[in-house]
Amino acid sequence: MSPRSALVTGVVGGIGAAIASRLADDGASMVVCDLPGDRLTETAAALDLPTLAADLTEPTAVSDLVASIARDHGAPEILVNAAGGVCG
């Protein structure tokens, strides 16, 4: 895979972290995102990747996240939505 830019959400969970790690191993530059908290801080340190905290259930948080990434890192070419949760 040629180097590309990526955004991976839900990076604290096993699937999101594994995908981010694999993309990084393949040479992609990326930003990872999850809910704010200690688990995000620990995961970001382990992956050594730029990290943004956001609650993606909030529409304004999503638009703020996209604007921040575009401004600081350019538009991502790859989007991995691994964020999930319990509804209801």
PDB file of N, CA and C in Angstrom:
ATOM      1  N   MET A   1       0.847  -1.180   0.000  1.00  0.00           N
ATOM      2  CA  MET A   1       0.000   0.000   0.000  1.00  0.00           C
ATOM      3  C   MET A   1       0.887   1.236   0.000  1.00  0.00           C
ATOM      4  N   SER A   2       0.600   2.180  -0.879  1.00  0.00           N
ATOM      5  CA  SER A   2       1.363   3.418  -0.878  1.00  0.00           C
ATOM      6  C   SER A   2       0.922   4.268   0.299  1.00  0.00           C
ATOM      7  N   PRO A   3       1.822   5.096   0.832  1.00  0.00           N
ATOM      8  CA  PRO A   3       1.460   5.921   1.987  1.00  0.00           C
ATOM      9  C   PRO A   3       0.254   6.796   1.682  1.00  0.00           C
ATOM     10  N   ARG A   4      -0.685   6.798   2.609  1.00  0.00           N
ATOM     11  CA  ARG A   4      -1.899   7.584   2.491  1.00  0.00           C
ATOM     12  C   ARG A   4      -2.210   8.161   3.859  1.00  0.00           C
ATOM     13  N   SER A   5      -3.132   9.094   3.902  1.00  0.00           N
ATOM     14  CA  SER A   5      -3.556   9.659   5.176  1.00  0.00           C
ATOM     15  C   SER A   5      -4.871   9.015   5.591  1.00  0.00           C
ATOM     16  N   ALA A   6      -5.040   8.825   6.905  1.00  0.00           N
ATOM     17  CA  ALA A   6      -6.216   8.116   7.400  1.00  0.00           C
ATOM     18  C   ALA A   6      -6.740   8.741   8.684  1.00  0.00           C
ATOM     19  N   LEU A   7      -8.029   8.529   8.915  1.00  0.00           N
ATOM     20  CA  LEU A   7      -8.670   8.819  10.190  1.00  0.00           C
ATOM     21  C   LEU A   7      -9.283   7.513  10.669  1.00  0.00           C
ATOM     22  N   VAL A   8      -8.924   7.093  11.882  1.00  0.00           N
ATOM     23  CA  VAL A   8      -9.482   5.886  12.479  1.00  0.00           C
ATOM     24  C   VAL A   8     -10.222   6.301  13.745  1.00  0.00           C
ATOM     25  N   THR A   9     -11.532   6.046  13.786  1.00  0.00           N
ATOM     26  CA  THR A   9     -12.308   6.331  14.988  1.00  0.00           C
ATOM     27  C   THR A   9     -12.434   5.044  15.799  1.00  0.00           C
ATOM     28  N   GLY A  10     -12.746   5.183  17.069  1.00  0.00           N
ATOM     29  CA  GLY A  10     -12.890   4.003  17.923  1.00  0.00           C
ATOM     30  C   GLY A  10     -11.583   3.287  18.154  1.00  0.00           C
ATOM     31  N   VAL A  11     -10.514   4.073  18.299  1.00  0.00           N
ATOM     32  CA  VAL A  11      -9.178   3.489  18.380  1.00  0.00           C
ATOM     33  C   VAL A  11      -8.887   2.816  19.722  1.00  0.00           C
ATOM     34  N   VAL A  12      -9.696   3.082  20.737  1.00  0.00           N
ATOM     35  CA  VAL A  12      -9.466   2.451  22.044  1.00  0.00           C
ATOM     36  C   VAL A  12      -9.873   0.978  22.016  1.00  0.00           C
ATOM     37  N   GLY A  13     -10.868   0.643  21.215  1.00  0.00           N
ATOM     38  CA  GLY A  13     -11.304  -0.748  21.115  1.00  0.00           C
ATOM     39  C   GLY A  13     -10.303  -1.584  20.348  1.00  0.00           C
ATOM     40  N   GLY A  14     -10.403  -2.861  20.468  1.00  0.00           N
ATOM     41  CA  GLY A  14      -9.450  -3.771  19.838  1.00  0.00           C
ATOM     42  C   GLY A  14      -9.379  -3.644  18.329  1.00  0.00           C
ATOM     43  N   ILE A  15     -10.533  -3.552  17.666  1.00  0.00           N
ATOM     44  CA  ILE A  15     -10.535  -3.491  16.209  1.00  0.00           C
ATOM     45  C   ILE A  15      -9.925  -2.182  15.721  1.00  0.00           C
ATOM     46  N   GLY A  16     -10.346  -1.050  16.300  1.00  0.00           N
ATOM     47  CA  GLY A  16      -9.812   0.242  15.875  1.00  0.00           C
ATOM     48  C   GLY A  16      -8.308   0.348  16.091  1.00  0.00           C
ATOM     49  N   ALA A  17      -7.829  -0.120  17.239  1.00  0.00           N
ATOM     50  CA  ALA A  17      -6.388  -0.076  17.519  1.00  0.00           C
ATOM     51  C   ALA A  17      -5.617  -0.970  16.559  1.00  0.00           C
ATOM     52  N   ALA A  18      -6.147  -2.151  16.268  1.00  0.00           N
ATOM     53  CA  ALA A  18      -5.475  -3.076  15.351  1.00  0.00           C
ATOM     54  C   ALA A  18      -5.397  -2.500  13.940  1.00  0.00           C
ATOM     55  N   ILE A  19      -6.488  -1.886  13.489  1.00  0.00           N
ATOM     56  CA  ILE A  19      -6.489  -1.284  12.153  1.00  0.00           C
ATOM     57  C   ILE A  19      -5.510  -0.120  12.091  1.00  0.00           C
ATOM     58  N   ALA A  20      -5.521   0.740  13.114  1.00  0.00           N
ATOM     59  CA  ALA A  20      -4.593   1.877  13.140  1.00  0.00           C
ATOM     60  C   ALA A  20      -3.151   1.390  13.133  1.00  0.00           C
ATOM     61  N   SER A  21      -2.867   0.366  13.912  1.00  0.00           N
ATOM     62  CA  SER A  21      -1.509  -0.183  13.965  1.00  0.00           C
ATOM     63  C   SER A  21      -1.091  -0.720  12.599  1.00  0.00           C
ATOM     64  N   ARG A  22      -1.985  -1.442  11.942  1.00  0.00           N
ATOM     65  CA  ARG A  22      -1.668  -2.017  10.628  1.00  0.00           C
ATOM     66  C   ARG A  22      -1.461  -0.922   9.586  1.00  0.00           C
ATOM     67  N   LEU A  23      -2.328   0.086   9.585  1.00  0.00           N
ATOM     68  CA  LEU A  23      -2.164   1.186   8.640  1.00  0.00           C
ATOM     69  C   LEU A  23      -0.835   1.907   8.865  1.00  0.00           C
ATOM     70  N   ALA A  24      -0.476   2.105  10.134  1.00  0.00           N
ATOM     71  CA  ALA A  24       0.806   2.744  10.443  1.00  0.00           C
ATOM     72  C   ALA A  24       1.967   1.878   9.955  1.00  0.00           C
ATOM     73  N   ASP A  25       1.871   0.571  10.166  1.00  0.00           N
ATOM     74  CA  ASP A  25       2.911  -0.347   9.685  1.00  0.00           C
ATOM     75  C   ASP A  25       3.045  -0.293   8.164  1.00  0.00           C
ATOM     76  N   ASP A  26       1.919  -0.042   7.476  1.00  0.00           N
ATOM     77  CA  ASP A  26       1.932   0.038   6.021  1.00  0.00           C
ATOM     78  C   ASP A  26       2.335   1.419   5.506  1.00  0.00           C
ATOM     79  N   GLY A  27       2.657   2.331   6.422  1.00  0.00           N
ATOM     80  CA  GLY A  27       3.179   3.630   6.027  1.00  0.00           C
ATOM     81  C   GLY A  27       2.171   4.761   5.953  1.00  0.00           C
ATOM     82  N   ALA A  28       0.929   4.513   6.358  1.00  0.00           N
ATOM     83  CA  ALA A  28      -0.071   5.582   6.321  1.00  0.00           C
ATOM     84  C   ALA A  28       0.192   6.581   7.442  1.00  0.00           C
ATOM     85  N   SER A  29      -0.043   7.843   7.154  1.00  0.00           N
ATOM     86  CA  SER A  29      -0.039   8.843   8.210  1.00  0.00           C
ATOM     87  C   SER A  29      -1.481   8.971   8.671  1.00  0.00           C
ATOM     88  N   MET A  30      -1.689   9.166   9.955  1.00  0.00           N
ATOM     89  CA  MET A  30      -3.071   9.191  10.407  1.00  0.00           C
ATOM     90  C   MET A  30      -3.273   9.958  11.679  1.00  0.00           C
ATOM     91  N   VAL A  31      -4.540  10.210  11.919  1.00  0.00           N
ATOM     92  CA  VAL A  31      -5.038  10.754  13.168  1.00  0.00           C
ATOM     93  C   VAL A  31      -6.027   9.727  13.691  1.00  0.00           C
ATOM     94  N   VAL A  32      -5.991   9.481  14.995  1.00  0.00           N
ATOM     95  CA  VAL A  32      -6.932   8.541  15.600  1.00  0.00           C
ATOM     96  C   VAL A  32      -7.834   9.292  16.566  1.00  0.00           C
ATOM     97  N   CYS A  33      -9.022   8.759  16.776  1.00  0.00           N
ATOM     98  CA  CYS A  33     -10.032   9.456  17.566  1.00  0.00           C
ATOM     99  C   CYS A  33     -10.807   8.471  18.420  1.00  0.00           C
ATOM    100  N   ASP A  34     -11.188   8.929  19.607  1.00  0.00           N
ATOM    101  CA  ASP A  34     -12.095   8.185  20.482  1.00  0.00           C
ATOM    102  C   ASP A  34     -12.608   9.156  21.525  1.00  0.00           C
ATOM    103  N   LEU A  35     -13.420   8.633  22.439  1.00  0.00           N
ATOM    104  CA  LEU A  35     -13.915   9.448  23.541  1.00  0.00           C
ATOM    105  C   LEU A  35     -12.760   9.927  24.405  1.00  0.00           C
ATOM    106  N   PRO A  36     -12.873  11.110  25.014  1.00  0.00           N
ATOM    107  CA  PRO A  36     -11.812  11.577  25.905  1.00  0.00           C
ATOM    108  C   PRO A  36     -11.676  10.654  27.117  1.00  0.00           C
ATOM    109  N   GLY A  37     -10.466  10.545  27.626  1.00  0.00           N
ATOM    110  CA  GLY A  37     -10.263   9.766  28.843  1.00  0.00           C
ATOM    111  C   GLY A  37      -8.910   9.084  28.885  1.00  0.00           C
ATOM    112  N   ASP A  38      -8.676   8.406  29.988  1.00  0.00           N
ATOM    113  CA  ASP A  38      -7.391   7.748  30.218  1.00  0.00           C
ATOM    114  C   ASP A  38      -7.087   6.674  29.184  1.00  0.00           C
ATOM    115  N   ARG A  39      -8.108   5.931  28.754  1.00  0.00           N
ATOM    116  CA  ARG A  39      -7.861   4.868  27.781  1.00  0.00           C
ATOM    117  C   ARG A  39      -7.377   5.438  26.452  1.00  0.00           C
ATOM    118  N   LEU A  40      -7.906   6.586  26.054  1.00  0.00           N
ATOM    119  CA  LEU A  40      -7.447   7.220  24.818  1.00  0.00           C
ATOM    120  C   LEU A  40      -6.006   7.680  24.970  1.00  0.00           C
ATOM    121  N   THR A  41      -5.690   8.281  26.093  1.00  0.00           N
ATOM    122  CA  THR A  41      -4.324   8.739  26.345  1.00  0.00           C
ATOM    123  C   THR A  41      -3.340   7.571  26.292  1.00  0.00           C
ATOM    124  N   GLU A  42      -3.690   6.465  26.930  1.00  0.00           N
ATOM    125  CA  GLU A  42      -2.827   5.279  26.938  1.00  0.00           C
ATOM    126  C   GLU A  42      -2.675   4.689  25.539  1.00  0.00           C
ATOM    127  N   THR A  43      -3.778   4.600  24.809  1.00  0.00           N
ATOM    128  CA  THR A  43      -3.731   4.040  23.462  1.00  0.00           C
ATOM    129  C   THR A  43      -2.899   4.915  22.540  1.00  0.00           C
ATOM    130  N   ALA A  44      -3.082   6.218  22.632  1.00  0.00           N
ATOM    131  CA  ALA A  44      -2.324   7.147  21.801  1.00  0.00           C
ATOM    132  C   ALA A  44      -0.832   7.026  22.072  1.00  0.00           C
ATOM    133  N   ALA A  45      -0.470   6.895  23.336  1.00  0.00           N
ATOM    134  CA  ALA A  45       0.945   6.743  23.684  1.00  0.00           C
ATOM    135  C   ALA A  45       1.499   5.445  23.111  1.00  0.00           C
ATOM    136  N   ALA A  46       0.717   4.372  23.194  1.00  0.00           N
ATOM    137  CA  ALA A  46       1.174   3.076  22.690  1.00  0.00           C
ATOM    138  C   ALA A  46       1.330   3.103  21.165  1.00  0.00           C
ATOM    139  N   LEU A  47       0.416   3.785  20.473  1.00  0.00           N
ATOM    140  CA  LEU A  47       0.473   3.834  19.012  1.00  0.00           C
ATOM    141  C   LEU A  47       1.390   4.935  18.493  1.00  0.00           C
ATOM    142  N   ASP A  48       1.708   5.908  19.330  1.00  0.00           N
ATOM    143  CA  ASP A  48       2.532   7.058  18.953  1.00  0.00           C
ATOM    144  C   ASP A  48       1.964   7.763  17.712  1.00  0.00           C
ATOM    145  N   LEU A  49       0.671   8.088  17.801  1.00  0.00           N
ATOM    146  CA  LEU A  49      -0.026   8.749  16.705  1.00  0.00           C
ATOM    147  C   LEU A  49      -0.754   9.989  17.209  1.00  0.00           C
ATOM    148  N   PRO A  50      -0.956  10.975  16.337  1.00  0.00           N
ATOM    149  CA  PRO A  50      -1.757  12.130  16.737  1.00  0.00           C
ATOM    150  C   PRO A  50      -3.167  11.685  17.083  1.00  0.00           C
ATOM    151  N   THR A  51      -3.695  12.208  18.171  1.00  0.00           N
ATOM    152  CA  THR A  51      -4.983  11.760  18.677  1.00  0.00           C
ATOM    153  C   THR A  51      -5.891  12.950  18.952  1.00  0.00           C
ATOM    154  N   LEU A  52      -7.151  12.776  18.620  1.00  0.00           N
ATOM    155  CA  LEU A  52      -8.167  13.772  18.947  1.00  0.00           C
ATOM    156  C   LEU A  52      -9.274  13.085  19.721  1.00  0.00           C
ATOM    157  N   ALA A  53      -9.765  13.756  20.727  1.00  0.00           N
ATOM    158  CA  ALA A  53     -10.877  13.222  21.518  1.00  0.00           C
ATOM    159  C   ALA A  53     -12.168  13.851  21.026  1.00  0.00           C
ATOM    160  N   ALA A  54     -13.182  13.028  20.826  1.00  0.00           N
ATOM    161  CA  ALA A  54     -14.477  13.536  20.390  1.00  0.00           C
ATOM    162  C   ALA A  54     -15.555  12.508  20.691  1.00  0.00           C
ATOM    163  N   ASP A  55     -16.733  13.003  21.053  1.00  0.00           N
ATOM    164  CA  ASP A  55     -17.909  12.157  21.219  1.00  0.00           C
ATOM    165  C   ASP A  55     -18.667  12.209  19.900  1.00  0.00           C
ATOM    166  N   LEU A  56     -18.530  11.175  19.099  1.00  0.00           N
ATOM    167  CA  LEU A  56     -19.089  11.175  17.747  1.00  0.00           C
ATOM    168  C   LEU A  56     -20.603  11.021  17.703  1.00  0.00           C
ATOM    169  N   THR A  57     -21.234  10.924  18.877  1.00  0.00           N
ATOM    170  CA  THR A  57     -22.699  10.941  18.901  1.00  0.00           C
ATOM    171  C   THR A  57     -23.227  12.370  18.849  1.00  0.00           C
ATOM    172  N   GLU A  58     -22.337  13.340  18.982  1.00  0.00           N
ATOM    173  CA  GLU A  58     -22.702  14.760  18.930  1.00  0.00           C
ATOM    174  C   GLU A  58     -22.367  15.332  17.551  1.00  0.00           C
ATOM    175  N   PRO A  59     -23.373  15.767  16.784  1.00  0.00           N
ATOM    176  CA  PRO A  59     -23.104  16.290  15.436  1.00  0.00           C
ATOM    177  C   PRO A  59     -22.072  17.412  15.400  1.00  0.00           C
ATOM    178  N   THR A  60     -22.098  18.310  16.372  1.00  0.00           N
ATOM    179  CA  THR A  60     -21.113  19.398  16.357  1.00  0.00           C
ATOM    180  C   THR A  60     -19.704  18.868  16.597  1.00  0.00           C
ATOM    181  N   ALA A  61     -19.576  17.804  17.379  1.00  0.00           N
ATOM    182  CA  ALA A  61     -18.260  17.211  17.623  1.00  0.00           C
ATOM    183  C   ALA A  61     -17.697  16.621  16.328  1.00  0.00           C
ATOM    184  N   VAL A  62     -18.561  16.029  15.528  1.00  0.00           N
ATOM    185  CA  VAL A  62     -18.122  15.443  14.254  1.00  0.00           C
ATOM    186  C   VAL A  62     -17.625  16.539  13.317  1.00  0.00           C
ATOM    187  N   SER A  63     -18.400  17.605  13.175  1.00  0.00           N
ATOM    188  CA  SER A  63     -17.976  18.683  12.273  1.00  0.00           C
ATOM    189  C   SER A  63     -16.721  19.368  12.787  1.00  0.00           C
ATOM    190  N   ASP A  64     -16.594  19.533  14.104  1.00  0.00           N
ATOM    191  CA  ASP A  64     -15.375  20.118  14.673  1.00  0.00           C
ATOM    192  C   ASP A  64     -14.167  19.216  14.428  1.00  0.00           C
ATOM    193  N   LEU A  65     -14.349  17.906  14.565  1.00  0.00           N
ATOM    194  CA  LEU A  65     -13.275  16.940  14.330  1.00  0.00           C
ATOM    195  C   LEU A  65     -12.792  17.014  12.887  1.00  0.00           C
ATOM    196  N   VAL A  66     -13.721  16.986  11.954  1.00  0.00           N
ATOM    197  CA  VAL A  66     -13.365  17.033  10.536  1.00  0.00           C
ATOM    198  C   VAL A  66     -12.643  18.335  10.205  1.00  0.00           C
ATOM    199  N   ALA A  67     -13.138  19.446  10.717  1.00  0.00           N
ATOM    200  CA  ALA A  67     -12.501  20.748  10.457  1.00  0.00           C
ATOM    201  C   ALA A  67     -11.093  20.791  11.035  1.00  0.00           C
ATOM    202  N   SER A  68     -10.912  20.261  12.232  1.00  0.00           N
ATOM    203  CA  SER A  68      -9.601  20.253  12.876  1.00  0.00           C
ATOM    204  C   SER A  68      -8.597  19.405  12.099  1.00  0.00           C
ATOM    205  N   ILE A  69      -9.035  18.240  11.668  1.00  0.00           N
ATOM    206  CA  ILE A  69      -8.136  17.362  10.914  1.00  0.00           C
ATOM    207  C   ILE A  69      -7.770  17.994   9.576  1.00  0.00           C
ATOM    208  N   ALA A  70      -8.755  18.524   8.863  1.00  0.00           N
ATOM    209  CA  ALA A  70      -8.486  19.153   7.569  1.00  0.00           C
ATOM    210  C   ALA A  70      -7.516  20.323   7.719  1.00  0.00           C
ATOM    211  N   ARG A  71      -7.701  21.102   8.770  1.00  0.00           N
ATOM    212  CA  ARG A  71      -6.842  22.264   9.004  1.00  0.00           C
ATOM    213  C   ARG A  71      -5.419  21.851   9.363  1.00  0.00           C
ATOM    214  N   ASP A  72      -5.281  20.873  10.242  1.00  0.00           N
ATOM    215  CA  ASP A  72      -3.963  20.532  10.789  1.00  0.00           C
ATOM    216  C   ASP A  72      -3.231  19.417  10.046  1.00  0.00           C
ATOM    217  N   HIS A  73      -3.972  18.549   9.339  1.00  0.00           N
ATOM    218  CA  HIS A  73      -3.336  17.376   8.737  1.00  0.00           C
ATOM    219  C   HIS A  73      -3.716  17.153   7.275  1.00  0.00           C
ATOM    220  N   GLY A  74      -4.651  17.911   6.757  1.00  0.00           N
ATOM    221  CA  GLY A  74      -5.155  17.673   5.408  1.00  0.00           C
ATOM    222  C   GLY A  74      -6.281  16.648   5.451  1.00  0.00           C
ATOM    223  N   ALA A  75      -7.017  16.572   4.366  1.00  0.00           N
ATOM    224  CA  ALA A  75      -8.158  15.659   4.304  1.00  0.00           C
ATOM    225  C   ALA A  75      -7.674  14.208   4.249  1.00  0.00           C
ATOM    226  N   PRO A  76      -8.226  13.342   5.097  1.00  0.00           N
ATOM    227  CA  PRO A  76      -7.825  11.939   5.055  1.00  0.00           C
ATOM    228  C   PRO A  76      -8.347  11.251   3.797  1.00  0.00           C
ATOM    229  N   GLU A  77      -7.541  10.342   3.252  1.00  0.00           N
ATOM    230  CA  GLU A  77      -7.943   9.549   2.094  1.00  0.00           C
ATOM    231  C   GLU A  77      -8.633   8.254   2.520  1.00  0.00           C
ATOM    232  N   ILE A  78      -8.382   7.834   3.751  1.00  0.00           N
ATOM    233  CA  ILE A  78      -8.954   6.599   4.284  1.00  0.00           C
ATOM    234  C   ILE A  78      -9.728   6.959   5.549  1.00  0.00           C
ATOM    235  N   LEU A  79     -10.940   6.441   5.677  1.00  0.00           N
ATOM    236  CA  LEU A  79     -11.745   6.636   6.872  1.00  0.00           C
ATOM    237  C   LEU A  79     -12.155   5.266   7.395  1.00  0.00           C
ATOM    238  N   VAL A  80     -11.797   4.990   8.654  1.00  0.00           N
ATOM    239  CA  VAL A  80     -12.199   3.753   9.300  1.00  0.00           C
ATOM    240  C   VAL A  80     -13.068   4.133  10.490  1.00  0.00           C
ATOM    241  N   ASN A  81     -14.357   3.784  10.416  1.00  0.00           N
ATOM    242  CA  ASN A  81     -15.296   4.066  11.489  1.00  0.00           C
ATOM    243  C   ASN A  81     -15.421   2.823  12.365  1.00  0.00           C
ATOM    244  N   ALA A  82     -14.553   2.718  13.372  1.00  0.00           N
ATOM    245  CA  ALA A  82     -14.615   1.589  14.297  1.00  0.00           C
ATOM    246  C   ALA A  82     -15.296   1.987  15.603  1.00  0.00           C
ATOM    247  N   ALA A  83     -15.748   3.234  15.694  1.00  0.00           N
ATOM    248  CA  ALA A  83     -16.443   3.688  16.897  1.00  0.00           C
ATOM    249  C   ALA A  83     -17.797   2.996  16.970  1.00  0.00           C
ATOM    250  N   GLY A  84     -18.168   2.611  18.161  1.00  0.00           N
ATOM    251  CA  GLY A  84     -19.452   1.949  18.346  1.00  0.00           C
ATOM    252  C   GLY A  84     -19.930   2.133  19.759  1.00  0.00           C
ATOM    253  N   GLY A  85     -21.107   1.675  20.033  1.00  0.00           N
ATOM    254  CA  GLY A  85     -21.639   1.816  21.369  1.00  0.00           C
ATOM    255  C   GLY A  85     -23.002   1.169  21.468  1.00  0.00           C
ATOM    256  N   VAL A  86     -23.590   1.320  22.627  1.00  0.00           N
ATOM    257  CA  VAL A  86     -24.906   0.747  22.895  1.00  0.00           C
ATOM    258  C   VAL A  86     -25.954   1.818  22.679  1.00  0.00           C
ATOM    259  N   CYS A  87     -26.948   1.522  21.893  1.00  0.00           N
ATOM    260  CA  CYS A  87     -28.033   2.469  21.626  1.00  0.00           C
ATOM    261  C   CYS A  87     -29.239   2.113  22.486  1.00  0.00           C
ATOM    262  N   GLY A  88     -29.979   3.125  22.848  1.00  0.00           N
ATOM    263  CA  GLY A  88     -31.241   2.883  23.531  1.00  0.00           C
ATOM    264  C   GLY A  88     -31.094   3.030  24.961  1.00  0.00           C
TER     265      GLY A  88
END
